[in-house]
Protein backbone atom coordinates (compact mmCIF):
# COMPACT_ATOMS: atom_id res chain seq x y z
CA MET A 1 -12.28 16.29 11.83
CA THR A 2 -10.65 14.87 8.68
CA ALA A 3 -8.24 11.95 9.08
CA LEU A 4 -4.61 12.58 8.14
CA LEU A 5 -4.50 9.38 6.08
CA GLU A 6 -7.55 7.41 4.99
CA VAL A 7 -7.45 4.23 2.89
CA LYS A 8 -10.68 2.73 1.54
CA GLY A 9 -11.04 -0.62 -0.23
CA LEU A 10 -7.37 -0.92 -1.23
CA LYS A 11 -6.70 -3.90 -3.49
CA LYS A 12 -3.66 -5.04 -5.45
CA HIS A 13 -3.89 -8.09 -7.67
CA PHE A 14 -1.01 -9.44 -9.74
CA ARG A 15 -1.40 -11.49 -12.93
CA VAL A 16 1.07 -14.37 -12.95
CA VAL A 17 1.86 -17.19 -15.36
CA ARG A 18 2.65 -20.60 -13.91
CA GLN A 19 3.95 -23.61 -15.83
CA ASN A 20 1.80 -26.74 -15.59
CA GLY A 21 3.71 -29.34 -17.54
CA PHE A 22 3.79 -27.99 -21.09
CA ARG A 23 0.98 -25.50 -20.52
CA ALA A 24 1.18 -21.98 -19.18
CA VAL A 25 -1.59 -21.28 -16.68
CA ARG A 26 -2.59 -17.66 -16.02
CA GLU A 27 -3.66 -16.85 -12.47
CA THR A 28 -4.41 -13.80 -10.37
CA VAL A 29 -2.69 -13.41 -7.00
CA HIS A 30 -4.69 -11.29 -4.54
CA ALA A 31 -1.74 -9.73 -2.68
CA VAL A 32 -3.89 -7.08 -0.94
CA ASP A 33 -7.65 -7.44 -0.91
CA GLY A 34 -9.85 -4.80 0.69
CA VAL A 35 -7.71 -2.85 3.19
CA ASP A 36 -9.44 0.00 5.05
CA LEU A 37 -7.60 2.16 7.57
CA GLU A 38 -7.63 5.62 9.05
CA VAL A 39 -4.81 7.49 10.79
CA ALA A 40 -5.59 10.70 12.68
CA THR A 41 -3.13 13.50 13.36
CA GLY A 42 -0.77 12.46 16.17
CA GLU A 43 -1.43 8.72 15.71
CA THR A 44 1.13 6.12 14.65
CA LEU A 45 0.33 3.14 12.43
CA GLY A 46 2.19 -0.15 12.56
CA ILE A 47 1.54 -2.89 10.01
CA VAL A 48 2.47 -6.30 11.38
CA GLY A 49 2.08 -9.74 9.85
CA GLU A 50 3.70 -12.90 8.59
CA SER A 51 6.24 -12.87 5.82
CA GLY A 52 4.50 -12.57 2.45
CA CYS A 53 1.16 -11.36 3.83
CA GLY A 54 1.18 -8.05 1.91
CA LYS A 55 2.60 -5.49 4.37
CA SER A 56 5.07 -4.01 1.87
CA THR A 57 2.50 -4.13 -0.92
CA VAL A 58 0.07 -2.11 1.22
CA GLY A 59 2.75 0.55 1.81
CA ARG A 60 3.81 0.64 -1.83
CA THR A 61 0.25 0.96 -3.11
CA ILE A 62 -0.57 3.70 -0.59
CA LEU A 63 2.45 5.69 -1.81
CA ARG A 64 1.59 4.84 -5.44
CA LEU A 65 4.97 3.18 -6.00
CA ILE A 66 2.83 0.47 -7.58
CA GLU A 67 -0.65 1.14 -8.96
CA PRO A 68 -3.49 -0.28 -6.87
CA THR A 69 -6.03 -2.49 -8.62
CA GLU A 70 -8.80 -0.71 -6.74
CA GLY A 71 -9.35 1.64 -3.81
CA THR A 72 -8.84 5.22 -2.69
CA VAL A 73 -6.13 6.86 -0.61
CA LEU A 74 -6.88 10.25 0.90
CA TRP A 75 -4.34 12.58 2.54
CA GLN A 76 -6.10 15.20 4.66
CA GLY A 77 -9.29 14.55 2.69
CA GLU A 78 -7.72 14.95 -0.76
CA ARG A 79 -6.90 12.11 -3.18
CA LEU A 80 -3.25 11.20 -2.72
CA ASP A 81 -2.65 10.45 -6.42
CA SER A 82 -3.49 14.05 -7.37
CA LEU A 83 -1.35 15.40 -4.52
CA LEU A 84 1.64 13.28 -5.56
CA ASN A 85 1.42 14.69 -9.07
CA ARG A 86 1.72 18.22 -7.63
CA TYR A 87 3.98 17.74 -4.59
CA SER A 88 5.90 14.48 -5.11
CA PRO A 89 9.20 15.72 -3.56
CA ARG A 90 7.40 16.39 -0.25
CA PHE A 91 6.24 12.77 0.22
CA SER A 92 8.65 9.99 1.05
CA ALA A 93 8.95 6.75 2.97
CA ILE A 94 11.61 5.32 5.23
CA ILE A 95 11.69 1.54 5.48
CA LEU A 96 14.02 0.16 8.15
CA VAL A 97 15.55 -3.31 8.02
CA PRO A 98 13.69 -5.92 10.11
CA ALA A 99 16.71 -6.54 12.40
CA LEU A 100 16.45 -2.93 13.59
CA GLY A 101 12.65 -2.97 13.99
CA SER A 102 10.74 -2.69 10.73
CA ALA A 103 8.84 0.57 10.28
CA LEU A 104 7.25 2.65 7.54
CA PHE A 105 6.82 6.41 7.92
CA TRP A 106 4.96 8.99 5.83
CA TRP A 107 5.22 12.76 6.11
């Protein structure tokens, strides 16, 4: 049986410039580095972690709100990026405020 959502090798790296005295130093921040997950029909996924650990970045890259550096996202066995091009109004996310119990939903 095909998973409803399958994520393989998801990575998101950001290029940043930091001031070091009078010099600008270019660095790469590895916000998400190698996430694999699978969600079957009827299952619920919760992503929990410390502040700044990449939870929101994982959700945003899965939904292609930001482009992943690397990795594949499959929805019912089909690449999500091609599905979003065809059916973008049918996919959405609801992010609740942490005080109410943070959650991220896809349908």
